[in-house]
Amino acid sequence: ADAYFASRHPESRLGSAASDQSRPLPDRQTYLDRVDALRTQYPDGDVPRPPHWSGYRVTPTAIEFWQDRDYRLHERRRFVADGAGGWTSSLLYP
């Protein structure tokens, strides 16, 4: 989490550090004031990762899209990572 947080734009790090994500916010200005306070505290933009901040890297190997059609004549398309940065696509029976 530390390496990813450090790789983010300084403004994104400020926004993340100022946020109590998903908690009620009385008004937008409260959040913006917290961002400004951190900007003053860390003028070089080197905001440390807050303890509550984390993340996961999800690297899909396959993705499937399903399009609803009448009478169960749906369309399914599967994309599979080819290991070289691309994807192959195929149709699947519904």
Foldseek 3Di string as FASTA:
>chain_A
DQVVLQPDDLLVNLLQVLDPPPDDDPDVVSSVVSSVVVCVVCVVSRRGHDPVDDDDDDDDQKDKDWADDPPQQIWIKMWGDPVPPGTDIDTDGD
